[in-house]
Amino acid sequence: MLTKKDVEKLICNRFWLFISVTENKDFVLLFIGRGATDAYLAIRFELNGEITFPTHLAFNPPEYSRWDFDEEKQEILIFDTDNQLRIRGKLPTKWLSNSVQIQLFDGVDGILVHSPRFDASQVTERTLGGKNMYFVPRQAFNMETFHDISREDFNLKVLDCQESILNFFDQAYEYIAQHPQLENVVLAKEGQPVIKLPEEDQLIFAKDAESPSFNYFAGSRARVIELLIIILSENNKRLLNPDDSRTEDELLADVLNTQYSGQFTLTQV
């Protein structure tokens, strides 16, 4: 049986990332806020019983105000700002890739995850910026991708985009244009958890039957934003021209063959 002092050593002064668990047992990261103030929901259990928020949230969720430990039931108790018991949690157990989890219940379906590979400042950078950025649509994102990309010293940006690959590129372009500190960029439409960068000042594309695939490409910020500007400009022309019946895939192939020929390499992803 653990005492509260024992539990303090296990959970305090650590960064705990909240992951929601759906009915289908999918793991989903929770964002709070929009734009420059959006961030993953993460908490810290303080020794004085308070719960603090190490990322730059637009607001502090009232469900998380202070914590305590029920020594008889061996449960972590989480209280809201009205001092009402809102969430219970089990003792930490081992989870993926040397991380540990606190399973939450009785108020929320989810887990709190602590990994030795990231701390508060790193996850904040993964939300708000950084020098190396990996873009992925929300529907292709999972925690395995997060961990694998983190190990490669890349920050990760999840985009809420439609199925259209051009919509994915449009949102990625807006973020890249607003963050000049970026150096290397990866766009992974299918969430491939790998980092492949070109050796020279070119772009690198996933190889699909000896042809380039836009489901994965990467390069320096300058080269990526250059290509995205060309693609989005050509798409605007296509949409305004009733005689242009090209599909998105045909437009992308035309851009590479006519305006970007010889400026990229292929790799197996």
Protein backbone atom coordinates (compact mmCIF):
# COMPACT_ATOMS: atom_id res chain seq x y z
CA MET A 1 0.00 0.00 0.00
CA LEU A 2 1.42 3.37 -1.04
CA THR A 3 1.19 6.52 1.04
CA LYS A 4 0.61 9.98 -0.35
CA LYS A 5 4.33 10.69 0.12
CA ASP A 6 5.11 7.66 -2.06
CA VAL A 7 2.73 8.88 -4.75
CA GLU A 8 4.24 12.36 -4.69
CA LYS A 9 7.56 10.83 -5.74
CA LEU A 10 5.82 9.06 -8.63
CA ILE A 11 3.73 11.87 -10.09
CA CYS A 12 4.92 15.29 -8.89
CA ASN A 13 7.27 17.60 -10.81
CA ARG A 14 6.54 15.72 -14.02
CA PHE A 15 4.81 16.63 -17.24
CA TRP A 16 1.60 14.62 -17.83
CA LEU A 17 0.03 14.74 -21.31
CA PHE A 18 -3.71 14.08 -21.44
CA ILE A 19 -4.91 11.59 -24.07
CA SER A 20 -8.59 10.92 -24.56
CA VAL A 21 -9.68 7.32 -25.19
CA THR A 22 -12.68 6.93 -27.51
CA GLU A 23 -15.29 4.17 -27.52
CA ASN A 24 -13.28 2.50 -30.30
CA LYS A 25 -10.18 2.59 -28.08
CA ASP A 26 -8.50 5.22 -30.25
CA PHE A 27 -6.10 7.63 -28.55
CA VAL A 28 -6.75 11.31 -29.26
CA LEU A 29 -4.72 14.29 -28.06
CA LEU A 30 -6.83 17.17 -26.77
CA PHE A 31 -6.10 20.70 -28.00
CA ILE A 32 -7.33 23.76 -26.14
CA GLY A 33 -7.55 27.14 -27.88
CA ARG A 34 -6.88 28.15 -31.45
CA GLY A 35 -4.03 29.77 -33.34
CA ALA A 36 -1.12 31.12 -31.33
CA THR A 37 -2.67 30.02 -28.02
CA ASP A 38 -3.47 26.41 -28.90
CA ALA A 39 -1.71 23.67 -27.00
CA TYR A 40 -2.00 20.09 -25.92
CA LEU A 41 -3.75 19.67 -22.59
CA ALA A 42 -1.08 18.75 -20.08
CA ILE A 43 -0.87 19.07 -16.30
CA ARG A 44 1.62 19.02 -13.45
CA PHE A 45 0.85 17.63 -10.00
CA GLU A 46 2.46 20.01 -7.53
CA LEU A 47 3.71 19.01 -4.07
CA ASN A 48 1.34 21.50 -2.43
CA GLY A 49 -1.67 19.73 -3.93
CA GLU A 50 -2.28 22.18 -6.77
CA ILE A 51 -2.55 21.24 -10.43
CA THR A 52 -0.80 23.56 -12.88
CA PHE A 53 -0.64 23.75 -16.67
CA PRO A 54 2.85 23.90 -18.22
CA THR A 55 1.73 24.55 -21.81
CA HIS A 56 0.37 27.84 -23.16
CA LEU A 57 -3.35 27.19 -22.89
CA ALA A 58 -5.96 29.75 -23.87
CA PHE A 59 -7.64 29.01 -20.52
CA ASN A 60 -7.18 26.65 -17.59
CA PRO A 61 -9.73 23.81 -17.59
CA PRO A 62 -11.75 24.13 -14.38
CA GLU A 63 -11.93 20.34 -13.99
CA TYR A 64 -8.28 20.33 -12.91
CA SER A 65 -7.61 22.46 -9.84
CA ARG A 66 -6.01 20.32 -7.12
CA TRP A 67 -5.22 16.69 -6.36
CA ASP A 68 -5.12 14.30 -3.42
CA PHE A 69 -4.57 10.59 -2.82
CA ASP A 70 -6.97 8.09 -1.28
CA GLU A 71 -4.62 5.73 0.57
CA GLU A 72 -7.39 3.25 1.34
CA LYS A 73 -8.57 2.87 -2.26
CA GLN A 74 -5.13 3.64 -3.73
CA GLU A 75 -6.63 6.19 -6.10
CA ILE A 76 -5.51 9.62 -7.29
CA LEU A 77 -8.27 12.18 -6.79
CA ILE A 78 -8.67 15.27 -8.98
CA PHE A 79 -10.85 18.17 -7.83
CA ASP A 80 -12.30 21.08 -9.79
CA THR A 81 -12.21 24.78 -8.97
CA ASP A 82 -15.35 24.34 -6.80
CA ASN A 83 -13.48 21.74 -4.76
CA GLN A 84 -15.72 18.96 -6.10
CA LEU A 85 -14.25 15.54 -6.88
CA ARG A 86 -14.35 15.28 -10.69
CA ILE A 87 -11.91 12.56 -11.76
CA ARG A 88 -10.27 9.50 -10.26
CA GLY A 89 -7.06 7.93 -11.44
CA LYS A 90 -5.22 4.68 -10.91
CA LEU A 91 -1.59 4.46 -9.83
CA PRO A 92 0.97 4.93 -12.63
CA THR A 93 1.81 1.86 -14.70
CA LYS A 94 4.24 1.24 -17.58
CA TRP A 95 3.00 2.15 -21.05
CA LEU A 96 4.58 2.56 -24.52
CA SER A 97 8.26 3.31 -25.17
CA ASN A 98 9.40 3.65 -21.54
CA SER A 99 6.52 6.00 -20.74
CA VAL A 100 4.08 5.58 -17.86
CA GLN A 101 0.35 6.18 -17.73
CA ILE A 102 -2.28 7.10 -15.18
CA GLN A 103 -5.61 5.61 -16.21
CA LEU A 104 -8.46 8.04 -15.52
CA PHE A 105 -12.04 7.03 -14.75
CA ASP A 106 -15.21 8.18 -12.99
CA GLY A 107 -15.49 11.49 -14.81
CA VAL A 108 -13.39 11.20 -17.93
CA ASP A 109 -12.27 8.47 -20.34
CA GLY A 110 -8.60 8.97 -20.89
CA ILE A 111 -5.06 8.60 -19.65
CA LEU A 112 -2.28 10.87 -18.46
CA VAL A 113 1.07 9.96 -20.02
CA HIS A 114 4.56 10.89 -18.83
CA SER A 115 7.56 10.14 -21.01
CA PRO A 116 11.23 10.81 -20.19
CA ARG A 117 11.68 11.97 -23.80
CA PHE A 118 9.77 15.21 -23.45
CA ASP A 119 9.15 17.90 -20.89
CA ALA A 120 6.93 20.97 -20.73
CA SER A 121 9.10 23.22 -22.88
CA GLN A 122 9.48 20.62 -25.62
CA VAL A 123 5.77 19.92 -25.95
CA THR A 124 5.03 23.64 -25.94
CA GLU A 125 7.46 24.02 -28.84
CA ARG A 126 5.83 21.14 -30.64
CA THR A 127 2.59 23.06 -30.54
CA LEU A 128 3.76 26.61 -31.12
CA GLY A 129 6.84 26.25 -33.27
CA GLY A 130 10.40 25.00 -33.60
CA LYS A 131 13.09 24.61 -36.23
CA ASN A 132 12.02 21.20 -37.60
CA MET A 133 8.33 20.62 -38.26
CA TYR A 134 6.38 17.53 -39.27
CA PHE A 135 2.85 18.14 -40.60
CA VAL A 136 0.17 15.46 -40.45
CA PRO A 137 -3.64 15.49 -40.84
CA ARG A 138 -5.54 14.79 -37.63
CA GLN A 139 -7.15 11.67 -39.15
CA ALA A 140 -3.68 10.17 -39.74
CA PHE A 141 -2.20 11.08 -36.36
CA ASN A 142 -1.55 8.66 -33.50
CA MET A 143 0.70 8.53 -30.43
CA GLU A 144 3.19 6.20 -32.13
CA THR A 145 3.77 8.92 -34.71
CA PHE A 146 4.25 11.50 -31.94
CA HIS A 147 6.87 9.39 -30.16
CA ASP A 148 8.75 8.42 -33.33
CA ILE A 149 8.88 11.98 -34.66
CA SER A 150 9.96 13.29 -31.25
CA ARG A 151 12.95 10.94 -31.26
CA GLU A 152 14.06 12.49 -34.56
CA ASP A 153 14.17 15.97 -32.99
CA PHE A 154 11.16 17.12 -35.00
CA ASN A 155 8.21 19.08 -33.69
CA LEU A 156 4.78 17.95 -34.80
CA LYS A 157 1.82 19.98 -36.06
CA VAL A 158 -1.57 18.28 -36.46
CA LEU A 159 -3.80 19.95 -39.05
CA ASP A 160 -7.59 19.83 -39.11
CA CYS A 161 -8.02 19.52 -42.84
CA GLN A 162 -10.40 17.92 -45.29
CA GLU A 163 -9.61 14.78 -47.26
CA SER A 164 -8.32 16.92 -50.14
CA ILE A 165 -4.54 16.85 -50.29
CA LEU A 166 -4.58 20.44 -51.56
CA ASN A 167 -6.47 21.51 -48.44
CA PHE A 168 -3.71 19.85 -46.39
CA PHE A 169 -1.08 21.75 -48.39
CA ASP A 170 -2.98 25.03 -48.02
CA GLN A 171 -3.07 24.77 -44.21
CA ALA A 172 0.57 23.68 -44.04
CA TYR A 173 1.56 26.65 -46.23
CA GLU A 174 -0.19 29.12 -43.92
CA TYR A 175 1.66 27.76 -40.89
CA ILE A 176 5.05 27.65 -42.66
CA ALA A 177 4.63 31.21 -43.97
CA GLN A 178 3.91 32.49 -40.45
CA HIS A 179 6.91 30.71 -38.88
CA PRO A 180 10.14 31.91 -40.53
CA GLN A 181 12.24 30.15 -37.87
CA LEU A 182 11.54 26.79 -39.50
CA GLU A 183 14.48 25.08 -41.18
CA ASN A 184 13.31 21.61 -42.24
CA VAL A 185 9.75 20.59 -43.09
CA VAL A 186 8.04 17.24 -43.65
CA LEU A 187 4.50 16.87 -45.02
CA ALA A 188 3.12 13.39 -44.37
CA LYS A 189 -0.44 13.01 -45.65
CA GLU A 190 -0.70 9.43 -44.35
CA GLY A 191 1.25 9.99 -41.13
CA GLN A 192 4.29 7.89 -42.02
CA PRO A 193 6.36 8.00 -38.79
CA VAL A 194 9.74 8.52 -40.49
CA ILE A 195 12.01 11.45 -41.28
CA LYS A 196 13.75 11.48 -44.66
CA LEU A 197 15.54 14.66 -45.72
CA PRO A 198 17.37 15.38 -49.01
CA GLU A 199 21.15 15.50 -48.99
CA GLU A 200 21.25 18.53 -51.29
CA ASP A 201 19.15 21.66 -51.71
CA GLN A 202 16.29 19.72 -53.24
CA LEU A 203 13.03 18.14 -52.18
CA ILE A 204 12.63 14.46 -51.44
CA PHE A 205 9.47 12.51 -52.26
CA ALA A 206 8.23 9.09 -51.29
CA LYS A 207 8.68 6.62 -54.14
CA ASP A 208 5.54 4.99 -55.55
CA ALA A 209 6.30 2.60 -58.43
CA GLU A 210 9.34 4.71 -59.39
CA SER A 211 7.21 7.88 -59.40
CA PRO A 212 7.04 10.65 -56.77
CA SER A 213 4.16 10.54 -54.30
CA PHE A 214 2.82 13.68 -52.68
CA ASN A 215 1.69 11.62 -49.70
CA TYR A 216 5.16 12.31 -48.27
CA PHE A 217 7.70 14.96 -49.19
CA ALA A 218 10.27 16.99 -47.30
CA GLY A 219 13.00 19.55 -47.58
CA SER A 220 14.18 22.92 -46.36
CA ARG A 221 11.58 25.55 -45.51
CA ALA A 222 12.57 27.59 -48.56
CA ARG A 223 12.19 24.70 -51.00
CA VAL A 224 8.94 23.43 -49.49
CA ILE A 225 7.25 26.83 -49.40
CA GLU A 226 8.43 27.49 -52.97
CA LEU A 227 6.72 24.33 -54.20
CA LEU A 228 3.56 24.95 -52.18
CA ILE A 229 3.23 28.46 -53.66
CA ILE A 230 3.46 27.00 -57.17
CA ILE A 231 0.93 24.27 -56.40
CA LEU A 232 -1.62 26.55 -54.74
CA SER A 233 -1.28 29.17 -57.48
CA GLU A 234 -1.84 26.56 -60.17
CA ASN A 235 -4.84 25.24 -58.29
CA ASN A 236 -6.38 28.73 -58.13
CA LYS A 237 -5.97 29.03 -61.90
CA ARG A 238 -7.57 25.60 -62.35
CA LEU A 239 -10.58 26.51 -60.23
CA LEU A 240 -11.11 29.75 -62.16
CA ASN A 241 -10.81 28.11 -65.57
CA PRO A 242 -13.96 26.19 -66.59
CA ASP A 243 -11.99 24.47 -69.36
CA ASP A 244 -9.43 23.03 -66.93
CA SER A 245 -10.73 19.56 -66.04
CA ARG A 246 -7.58 18.25 -64.36
CA THR A 247 -7.91 16.35 -61.11
CA GLU A 248 -5.79 17.27 -58.11
CA ASP A 249 -3.42 14.38 -58.83
CA GLU A 250 -3.05 15.46 -62.45
CA LEU A 251 -2.33 19.03 -61.40
CA LEU A 252 0.35 17.89 -58.95
CA ALA A 253 1.98 15.69 -61.59
CA ASP A 254 1.99 18.58 -64.08
CA VAL A 255 3.69 20.89 -61.56
CA LEU A 256 6.50 18.41 -60.93
CA ASN A 257 6.98 17.57 -64.60
CA THR A 258 6.87 21.11 -66.00
CA GLN A 259 7.91 23.51 -63.23
CA TYR A 260 9.92 21.39 -60.83
CA SER A 261 11.60 18.83 -63.05
CA GLY A 262 15.04 17.73 -61.86
CA GLN A 263 14.70 19.46 -58.51
CA PHE A 264 13.77 16.46 -56.36
CA THR A 265 14.87 12.96 -55.44
CA LEU A 266 12.94 9.82 -54.50
CA THR A 267 13.17 7.62 -51.43
CA GLN A 268 11.46 4.57 -50.00
CA VAL A 269 9.22 5.51 -47.06
